[in-house]
Amino acid sequence: MQEPTPGDPAQQMIDYIVREVIRRPALEITAETPLVSSGLIDSLALVHILAKLEDVTQRHIPAGKVLPEDMDTVNLMLATARRVGVPRR
């Protein structure tokens, strides 16, 4: 899989998670790094991440349709946004 580039949705999510959620800028994660299952993020953090995911993808994502396993990696987050998200107007 291709590495994310600055400005693309995967990199935007990675940057947000490292800076604002995990708050360990030296930590390197990829779009395939397990986040929930590894304990790097908890269910409370998922609320904030879901809001950022909506901003990045410009989609409304009903929280009731998202399970923690749908949010385990950045790639899964983006796939979930495409699968259950509704484009914003």
PDB file of N, CA and C in Angstrom:
ATOM      1  N   MET A   1       0.833  -1.179   0.000  1.00  0.00           N
ATOM      2  CA  MET A   1       0.000   0.000   0.000  1.00  0.00           C
ATOM      3  C   MET A   1       0.880   1.246   0.000  1.00  0.00           C
ATOM      4  N   GLN A   2       0.425   2.255  -0.690  1.00  0.00           N
ATOM      5  CA  GLN A   2       1.176   3.495  -0.838  1.00  0.00           C
ATOM      6  C   GLN A   2       1.149   4.298   0.457  1.00  0.00           C
ATOM      7  N   GLU A   3       2.279   4.913   0.792  1.00  0.00           N
ATOM      8  CA  GLU A   3       2.364   5.756   1.981  1.00  0.00           C
ATOM      9  C   GLU A   3       1.545   7.030   1.765  1.00  0.00           C
ATOM     10  N   PRO A   4       0.854   7.502   2.820  1.00  0.00           N
ATOM     11  CA  PRO A   4       0.095   8.745   2.676  1.00  0.00           C
ATOM     12  C   PRO A   4       1.019   9.942   2.464  1.00  0.00           C
ATOM     13  N   THR A   5       0.534  10.911   1.721  1.00  0.00           N
ATOM     14  CA  THR A   5       1.289  12.137   1.485  1.00  0.00           C
ATOM     15  C   THR A   5       0.628  13.276   2.260  1.00  0.00           C
ATOM     16  N   PRO A   6       1.399  14.327   2.570  1.00  0.00           N
ATOM     17  CA  PRO A   6       0.808  15.450   3.306  1.00  0.00           C
ATOM     18  C   PRO A   6      -0.423  15.978   2.577  1.00  0.00           C
ATOM     19  N   GLY A   7      -1.489  16.221   3.337  1.00  0.00           N
ATOM     20  CA  GLY A   7      -2.710  16.750   2.757  1.00  0.00           C
ATOM     21  C   GLY A   7      -3.725  15.688   2.387  1.00  0.00           C
ATOM     22  N   ASP A   8      -3.301  14.425   2.250  1.00  0.00           N
ATOM     23  CA  ASP A   8      -4.309  13.429   1.912  1.00  0.00           C
ATOM     24  C   ASP A   8      -5.035  13.014   3.194  1.00  0.00           C
ATOM     25  N   PRO A   9      -6.240  12.459   3.076  1.00  0.00           N
ATOM     26  CA  PRO A   9      -7.040  12.160   4.263  1.00  0.00           C
ATOM     27  C   PRO A   9      -6.331  11.258   5.273  1.00  0.00           C
ATOM     28  N   ALA A  10      -5.620  10.242   4.824  1.00  0.00           N
ATOM     29  CA  ALA A  10      -4.938   9.347   5.757  1.00  0.00           C
ATOM     30  C   ALA A  10      -3.899  10.113   6.562  1.00  0.00           C
ATOM     31  N   GLN A  11      -3.114  10.950   5.899  1.00  0.00           N
ATOM     32  CA  GLN A  11      -2.084  11.707   6.617  1.00  0.00           C
ATOM     33  C   GLN A  11      -2.701  12.727   7.557  1.00  0.00           C
ATOM     34  N   GLN A  12      -3.802  13.340   7.156  1.00  0.00           N
ATOM     35  CA  GLN A  12      -4.483  14.280   8.041  1.00  0.00           C
ATOM     36  C   GLN A  12      -4.942  13.588   9.319  1.00  0.00           C
ATOM     37  N   MET A  13      -5.486  12.376   9.173  1.00  0.00           N
ATOM     38  CA  MET A  13      -5.939  11.627  10.338  1.00  0.00           C
ATOM     39  C   MET A  13      -4.764  11.194  11.211  1.00  0.00           C
ATOM     40  N   ILE A  14      -3.700  10.715  10.584  1.00  0.00           N
ATOM     41  CA  ILE A  14      -2.507  10.308  11.340  1.00  0.00           C
ATOM     42  C   ILE A  14      -1.966  11.494  12.136  1.00  0.00           C
ATOM     43  N   ASP A  15      -1.816  12.631  11.485  1.00  0.00           N
ATOM     44  CA  ASP A  15      -1.296  13.822  12.161  1.00  0.00           C
ATOM     45  C   ASP A  15      -2.182  14.218  13.344  1.00  0.00           C
ATOM     46  N   TYR A  16      -3.496  14.199  13.143  1.00  0.00           N
ATOM     47  CA  TYR A  16      -4.425  14.561  14.213  1.00  0.00           C
ATOM     48  C   TYR A  16      -4.314  13.588  15.388  1.00  0.00           C
ATOM     49  N   ILE A  17      -4.300  12.309  15.096  1.00  0.00           N
ATOM     50  CA  ILE A  17      -4.256  11.302  16.156  1.00  0.00           C
ATOM     51  C   ILE A  17      -2.967  11.425  16.973  1.00  0.00           C
ATOM     52  N   VAL A  18      -1.853  11.585  16.296  1.00  0.00           N
ATOM     53  CA  VAL A  18      -0.567  11.686  17.005  1.00  0.00           C
ATOM     54  C   VAL A  18      -0.493  12.972  17.830  1.00  0.00           C
ATOM     55  N   ARG A  19      -0.919  14.080  17.243  1.00  0.00           N
ATOM     56  CA  ARG A  19      -0.794  15.393  17.884  1.00  0.00           C
ATOM     57  C   ARG A  19      -1.859  15.645  18.962  1.00  0.00           C
ATOM     58  N   GLU A  20      -3.119  15.332  18.628  1.00  0.00           N
ATOM     59  CA  GLU A  20      -4.228  15.747  19.487  1.00  0.00           C
ATOM     60  C   GLU A  20      -4.806  14.645  20.368  1.00  0.00           C
ATOM     61  N   VAL A  21      -4.669  13.406  19.970  1.00  0.00           N
ATOM     62  CA  VAL A  21      -5.284  12.319  20.727  1.00  0.00           C
ATOM     63  C   VAL A  21      -4.251  11.598  21.583  1.00  0.00           C
ATOM     64  N   ILE A  22      -3.221  11.074  20.944  1.00  0.00           N
ATOM     65  CA  ILE A  22      -2.183  10.345  21.672  1.00  0.00           C
ATOM     66  C   ILE A  22      -1.237  11.325  22.361  1.00  0.00           C
ATOM     67  N   ARG A  23      -1.014  12.468  21.719  1.00  0.00           N
ATOM     68  CA  ARG A  23      -0.151  13.537  22.236  1.00  0.00           C
ATOM     69  C   ARG A  23       1.276  13.071  22.495  1.00  0.00           C
ATOM     70  N   ARG A  24       1.765  12.304  21.536  1.00  0.00           N
ATOM     71  CA  ARG A  24       3.162  11.853  21.577  1.00  0.00           C
ATOM     72  C   ARG A  24       3.737  12.063  20.183  1.00  0.00           C
ATOM     73  N   PRO A  25       4.167  13.298  19.877  1.00  0.00           N
ATOM     74  CA  PRO A  25       4.611  13.630  18.531  1.00  0.00           C
ATOM     75  C   PRO A  25       5.751  12.757  18.005  1.00  0.00           C
ATOM     76  N   ALA A  26       6.528  12.177  18.884  1.00  0.00           N
ATOM     77  CA  ALA A  26       7.638  11.339  18.431  1.00  0.00           C
ATOM     78  C   ALA A  26       7.160   9.947  17.998  1.00  0.00           C
ATOM     79  N   LEU A  27       5.932   9.594  18.363  1.00  0.00           N
ATOM     80  CA  LEU A  27       5.386   8.295  18.004  1.00  0.00           C
ATOM     81  C   LEU A  27       5.072   8.261  16.512  1.00  0.00           C
ATOM     82  N   GLU A  28       5.548   7.245  15.847  1.00  0.00           N
ATOM     83  CA  GLU A  28       5.266   7.098  14.418  1.00  0.00           C
ATOM     84  C   GLU A  28       4.214   6.025  14.215  1.00  0.00           C
ATOM     85  N   ILE A  29       3.114   6.419  13.589  1.00  0.00           N
ATOM     86  CA  ILE A  29       2.092   5.447  13.231  1.00  0.00           C
ATOM     87  C   ILE A  29       1.871   5.525  11.724  1.00  0.00           C
ATOM     88  N   THR A  30       1.315   4.460  11.184  1.00  0.00           N
ATOM     89  CA  THR A  30       0.981   4.418   9.765  1.00  0.00           C
ATOM     90  C   THR A  30      -0.529   4.267   9.639  1.00  0.00           C
ATOM     91  N   ALA A  31      -1.000   4.215   8.424  1.00  0.00           N
ATOM     92  CA  ALA A  31      -2.427   4.031   8.172  1.00  0.00           C
ATOM     93  C   ALA A  31      -2.888   2.634   8.563  1.00  0.00           C
ATOM     94  N   GLU A  32      -1.955   1.729   8.829  1.00  0.00           N
ATOM     95  CA  GLU A  32      -2.287   0.353   9.216  1.00  0.00           C
ATOM     96  C   GLU A  32      -1.945   0.034  10.676  1.00  0.00           C
ATOM     97  N   THR A  33      -1.493   1.004  11.445  1.00  0.00           N
ATOM     98  CA  THR A  33      -1.164   0.782  12.854  1.00  0.00           C
ATOM     99  C   THR A  33      -2.443   0.527  13.641  1.00  0.00           C
ATOM    100  N   PRO A  34      -2.509  -0.597  14.369  1.00  0.00           N
ATOM    101  CA  PRO A  34      -3.681  -0.839  15.221  1.00  0.00           C
ATOM    102  C   PRO A  34      -3.722   0.207  16.337  1.00  0.00           C
ATOM    103  N   LEU A  35      -4.839   0.866  16.475  1.00  0.00           N
ATOM    104  CA  LEU A  35      -4.952   1.934  17.460  1.00  0.00           C
ATOM    105  C   LEU A  35      -5.833   1.533  18.632  1.00  0.00           C
ATOM    106  N   VAL A  36      -7.003   0.997  18.354  1.00  0.00           N
ATOM    107  CA  VAL A  36      -7.922   0.597  19.413  1.00  0.00           C
ATOM    108  C   VAL A  36      -7.461  -0.715  20.032  1.00  0.00           C
ATOM    109  N   SER A  37      -7.216  -1.710  19.201  1.00  0.00           N
ATOM    110  CA  SER A  37      -6.858  -3.037  19.714  1.00  0.00           C
ATOM    111  C   SER A  37      -5.514  -3.045  20.451  1.00  0.00           C
ATOM    112  N   SER A  38      -4.659  -2.069  20.150  1.00  0.00           N
ATOM    113  CA  SER A  38      -3.365  -1.991  20.835  1.00  0.00           C
ATOM    114  C   SER A  38      -3.439  -1.162  22.116  1.00  0.00           C
ATOM    115  N   GLY A  39      -4.555  -0.461  22.314  1.00  0.00           N
ATOM    116  CA  GLY A  39      -4.699   0.380  23.494  1.00  0.00           C
ATOM    117  C   GLY A  39      -4.157   1.788  23.324  1.00  0.00           C
ATOM    118  N   LEU A  40      -3.696   2.136  22.126  1.00  0.00           N
ATOM    119  CA  LEU A  40      -3.187   3.502  21.907  1.00  0.00           C
ATOM    120  C   LEU A  40      -4.296   4.539  22.048  1.00  0.00           C
ATOM    121  N   ILE A  41      -5.512   4.180  21.653  1.00  0.00           N
ATOM    122  CA  ILE A  41      -6.647   5.085  21.840  1.00  0.00           C
ATOM    123  C   ILE A  41      -7.775   4.314  22.510  1.00  0.00           C
ATOM    124  N   ASP A  42      -8.605   5.043  23.268  1.00  0.00           N
ATOM    125  CA  ASP A  42      -9.723   4.412  23.962  1.00  0.00           C
ATOM    126  C   ASP A  42     -11.045   4.872  23.354  1.00  0.00           C
ATOM    127  N   SER A  43     -12.136   4.351  23.888  1.00  0.00           N
ATOM    128  CA  SER A  43     -13.446   4.651  23.309  1.00  0.00           C
ATOM    129  C   SER A  43     -13.806   6.128  23.424  1.00  0.00           C
ATOM    130  N   LEU A  44     -13.358   6.800  24.461  1.00  0.00           N
ATOM    131  CA  LEU A  44     -13.627   8.232  24.591  1.00  0.00           C
ATOM    132  C   LEU A  44     -12.940   9.011  23.469  1.00  0.00           C
ATOM    133  N   ALA A  45     -11.725   8.638  23.141  1.00  0.00           N
ATOM    134  CA  ALA A  45     -10.993   9.302  22.062  1.00  0.00           C
ATOM    135  C   ALA A  45     -11.681   9.095  20.719  1.00  0.00           C
ATOM    136  N   LEU A  46     -12.399   7.983  20.566  1.00  0.00           N
ATOM    137  CA  LEU A  46     -13.063   7.703  19.292  1.00  0.00           C
ATOM    138  C   LEU A  46     -14.103   8.762  18.948  1.00  0.00           C
ATOM    139  N   VAL A  47     -14.720   9.364  19.954  1.00  0.00           N
ATOM    140  CA  VAL A  47     -15.703  10.424  19.712  1.00  0.00           C
ATOM    141  C   VAL A  47     -15.028  11.598  19.001  1.00  0.00           C
ATOM    142  N   HIS A  48     -13.869  11.998  19.490  1.00  0.00           N
ATOM    143  CA  HIS A  48     -13.134  13.112  18.888  1.00  0.00           C
ATOM    144  C   HIS A  48     -12.597  12.729  17.507  1.00  0.00           C
ATOM    145  N   ILE A  49     -12.128  11.508  17.393  1.00  0.00           N
ATOM    146  CA  ILE A  49     -11.595  11.040  16.109  1.00  0.00           C
ATOM    147  C   ILE A  49     -12.704  10.979  15.066  1.00  0.00           C
ATOM    148  N   LEU A  50     -13.897  10.545  15.473  1.00  0.00           N
ATOM    149  CA  LEU A  50     -15.022  10.482  14.537  1.00  0.00           C
ATOM    150  C   LEU A  50     -15.383  11.881  14.032  1.00  0.00           C
ATOM    151  N   ALA A  51     -15.348  12.861  14.902  1.00  0.00           N
ATOM    152  CA  ALA A  51     -15.629  14.246  14.490  1.00  0.00           C
ATOM    153  C   ALA A  51     -14.580  14.723  13.477  1.00  0.00           C
ATOM    154  N   LYS A  52     -13.314  14.424  13.734  1.00  0.00           N
ATOM    155  CA  LYS A  52     -12.250  14.804  12.796  1.00  0.00           C
ATOM    156  C   LYS A  52     -12.415  14.059  11.477  1.00  0.00           C
ATOM    157  N   LEU A  53     -12.779  12.786  11.537  1.00  0.00           N
ATOM    158  CA  LEU A  53     -12.989  11.999  10.331  1.00  0.00           C
ATOM    159  C   LEU A  53     -14.091  12.608   9.474  1.00  0.00           C
ATOM    160  N   GLU A  54     -15.138  13.105  10.104  1.00  0.00           N
ATOM    161  CA  GLU A  54     -16.204  13.775   9.357  1.00  0.00           C
ATOM    162  C   GLU A  54     -15.674  15.031   8.666  1.00  0.00           C
ATOM    163  N   ASP A  55     -14.843  15.792   9.359  1.00  0.00           N
ATOM    164  CA  ASP A  55     -14.261  16.997   8.762  1.00  0.00           C
ATOM    165  C   ASP A  55     -13.351  16.654   7.588  1.00  0.00           C
ATOM    166  N   VAL A  56     -12.504  15.660   7.780  1.00  0.00           N
ATOM    167  CA  VAL A  56     -11.531  15.293   6.750  1.00  0.00           C
ATOM    168  C   VAL A  56     -12.219  14.730   5.507  1.00  0.00           C
ATOM    169  N   THR A  57     -13.247  13.909   5.712  1.00  0.00           N
ATOM    170  CA  THR A  57     -13.904  13.248   4.577  1.00  0.00           C
ATOM    171  C   THR A  57     -15.100  14.027   4.032  1.00  0.00           C
ATOM    172  N   GLN A  58     -15.511  15.063   4.755  1.00  0.00           N
ATOM    173  CA  GLN A  58     -16.686  15.843   4.380  1.00  0.00           C
ATOM    174  C   GLN A  58     -17.925  14.950   4.266  1.00  0.00           C
ATOM    175  N   ARG A  59     -18.042  14.024   5.227  1.00  0.00           N
ATOM    176  CA  ARG A  59     -19.185  13.124   5.281  1.00  0.00           C
ATOM    177  C   ARG A  59     -19.752  13.135   6.700  1.00  0.00           C
ATOM    178  N   HIS A  60     -21.077  12.996   6.797  1.00  0.00           N
ATOM    179  CA  HIS A  60     -21.714  12.793   8.105  1.00  0.00           C
ATOM    180  C   HIS A  60     -21.702  11.293   8.358  1.00  0.00           C
ATOM    181  N   ILE A  61     -21.145  10.895   9.495  1.00  0.00           N
ATOM    182  CA  ILE A  61     -21.004   9.481   9.824  1.00  0.00           C
ATOM    183  C   ILE A  61     -21.836   9.205  11.071  1.00  0.00           C
ATOM    184  N   PRO A  62     -22.960   8.493  10.929  1.00  0.00           N
ATOM    185  CA  PRO A  62     -23.794   8.192  12.091  1.00  0.00           C
ATOM    186  C   PRO A  62     -23.033   7.327  13.100  1.00  0.00           C
ATOM    187  N   ALA A  63     -22.858   7.837  14.305  1.00  0.00           N
ATOM    188  CA  ALA A  63     -22.084   7.127  15.325  1.00  0.00           C
ATOM    189  C   ALA A  63     -22.656   5.748  15.619  1.00  0.00           C
ATOM    190  N   GLY A  64     -23.969   5.588  15.512  1.00  0.00           N
ATOM    191  CA  GLY A  64     -24.603   4.310  15.779  1.00  0.00           C
ATOM    192  C   GLY A  64     -24.251   3.222  14.781  1.00  0.00           C
ATOM    193  N   LYS A  65     -23.677   3.613  13.649  1.00  0.00           N
ATOM    194  CA  LYS A  65     -23.299   2.634  12.624  1.00  0.00           C
ATOM    195  C   LYS A  65     -21.813   2.290  12.652  1.00  0.00           C
ATOM    196  N   VAL A  66     -21.106   2.817  13.663  1.00  0.00           N
ATOM    197  CA  VAL A  66     -19.659   2.621  13.737  1.00  0.00           C
ATOM    198  C   VAL A  66     -19.311   1.815  14.988  1.00  0.00           C
ATOM    199  N   LEU A  67     -18.560   0.747  14.789  1.00  0.00           N
ATOM    200  CA  LEU A  67     -18.087  -0.082  15.895  1.00  0.00           C
ATOM    201  C   LEU A  67     -16.610   0.212  16.152  1.00  0.00           C
ATOM    202  N   PRO A  68     -16.113  -0.047  17.364  1.00  0.00           N
ATOM    203  CA  PRO A  68     -14.692   0.203  17.628  1.00  0.00           C
ATOM    204  C   PRO A  68     -13.769  -0.488  16.626  1.00  0.00           C
ATOM    205  N   GLU A  69     -14.127  -1.689  16.195  1.00  0.00           N
ATOM    206  CA  GLU A  69     -13.257  -2.382  15.229  1.00  0.00           C
ATOM    207  C   GLU A  69     -13.231  -1.683  13.868  1.00  0.00           C
ATOM    208  N   ASP A  70     -14.253  -0.868  13.575  1.00  0.00           N
ATOM    209  CA  ASP A  70     -14.264  -0.080  12.339  1.00  0.00           C
ATOM    210  C   ASP A  70     -13.257   1.068  12.396  1.00  0.00           C
ATOM    211  N   MET A  71     -12.761   1.356  13.597  1.00  0.00           N
ATOM    212  CA  MET A  71     -11.893   2.503  13.811  1.00  0.00           C
ATOM    213  C   MET A  71     -10.494   2.088  14.271  1.00  0.00           C
ATOM    214  N   ASP A  72     -10.133   0.821  14.088  1.00  0.00           N
ATOM    215  CA  ASP A  72      -8.864   0.326  14.623  1.00  0.00           C
ATOM    216  C   ASP A  72      -7.650   0.881  13.901  1.00  0.00           C
ATOM    217  N   THR A  73      -7.753   1.134  12.614  1.00  0.00           N
ATOM    218  CA  THR A  73      -6.645   1.729  11.855  1.00  0.00           C
ATOM    219  C   THR A  73      -7.183   2.922  11.072  1.00  0.00           C
ATOM    220  N   VAL A  74      -6.303   3.775  10.639  1.00  0.00           N
ATOM    221  CA  VAL A  74      -6.717   4.922   9.830  1.00  0.00           C
ATOM    222  C   VAL A  74      -7.362   4.442   8.529  1.00  0.00           C
ATOM    223  N   ASN A  75      -6.811   3.410   7.910  1.00  0.00           N
ATOM    224  CA  ASN A  75      -7.421   2.889   6.682  1.00  0.00           C
ATOM    225  C   ASN A  75      -8.829   2.376   6.930  1.00  0.00           C
ATOM    226  N   LEU A  76      -9.053   1.710   8.066  1.00  0.00           N
ATOM    227  CA  LEU A  76     -10.405   1.255   8.398  1.00  0.00           C
ATOM    228  C   LEU A  76     -11.334   2.435   8.649  1.00  0.00           C
ATOM    229  N   MET A  77     -10.823   3.481   9.286  1.00  0.00           N
ATOM    230  CA  MET A  77     -11.632   4.684   9.517  1.00  0.00           C
ATOM    231  C   MET A  77     -12.115   5.267   8.202  1.00  0.00           C
ATOM    232  N   LEU A  78     -11.198   5.406   7.260  1.00  0.00           N
ATOM    233  CA  LEU A  78     -11.546   5.990   5.959  1.00  0.00           C
ATOM    234  C   LEU A  78     -12.511   5.090   5.196  1.00  0.00           C
ATOM    235  N   ALA A  79     -12.322   3.785   5.279  1.00  0.00           N
ATOM    236  CA  ALA A  79     -13.234   2.843   4.615  1.00  0.00           C
ATOM    237  C   ALA A  79     -14.623   2.918   5.247  1.00  0.00           C
ATOM    238  N   THR A  80     -14.679   3.066   6.553  1.00  0.00           N
ATOM    239  CA  THR A  80     -15.962   3.191   7.252  1.00  0.00           C
ATOM    240  C   THR A  80     -16.663   4.470   6.836  1.00  0.00           C
ATOM    241  N   ALA A  81     -15.923   5.558   6.720  1.00  0.00           N
ATOM    242  CA  ALA A  81     -16.515   6.827   6.277  1.00  0.00           C
ATOM    243  C   ALA A  81     -17.119   6.678   4.888  1.00  0.00           C
ATOM    244  N   ARG A  82     -16.411   5.971   4.013  1.00  0.00           N
ATOM    245  CA  ARG A  82     -16.950   5.759   2.657  1.00  0.00           C
ATOM    246  C   ARG A  82     -18.174   4.846   2.682  1.00  0.00           C
ATOM    247  N   ARG A  83     -18.165   3.855   3.574  1.00  0.00           N
ATOM    248  CA  ARG A  83     -19.225   2.851   3.621  1.00  0.00           C
ATOM    249  C   ARG A  83     -20.506   3.387   4.244  1.00  0.00           C
ATOM    250  N   VAL A  84     -20.419   4.085   5.383  1.00  0.00           N
ATOM    251  CA  VAL A  84     -21.626   4.505   6.099  1.00  0.00           C
ATOM    252  C   VAL A  84     -21.857   6.013   6.079  1.00  0.00           C
ATOM    253  N   GLY A  85     -20.857   6.767   5.654  1.00  0.00           N
ATOM    254  CA  GLY A  85     -20.985   8.221   5.651  1.00  0.00           C
ATOM    255  C   GLY A  85     -21.863   8.735   4.531  1.00  0.00           C
ATOM    256  N   VAL A  86     -22.510   9.856   4.809  1.00  0.00           N
ATOM    257  CA  VAL A  86     -23.352  10.527   3.833  1.00  0.00           C
ATOM    258  C   VAL A  86     -22.667  11.843   3.475  1.00  0.00           C
ATOM    259  N   PRO A  87     -22.456  12.124   2.176  1.00  0.00           N
ATOM    260  CA  PRO A  87     -21.772  13.371   1.809  1.00  0.00           C
ATOM    261  C   PRO A  87     -22.479  14.590   2.394  1.00  0.00           C
ATOM    262  N   ARG A  88     -21.681  15.528   2.896  1.00  0.00           N
ATOM    263  CA  ARG A  88     -22.238  16.785   3.408  1.00  0.00           C
ATOM    264  C   ARG A  88     -22.598  17.669   2.234  1.00  0.00           C
ATOM    265  N   ARG A  89     -23.554  18.505   2.455  1.00  0.00           N
ATOM    266  CA  ARG A  89     -23.974  19.452   1.391  1.00  0.00           C
ATOM    267  C   ARG A  89     -23.383  20.795   1.623  1.00  0.00           C
TER     268      ARG A  89
END
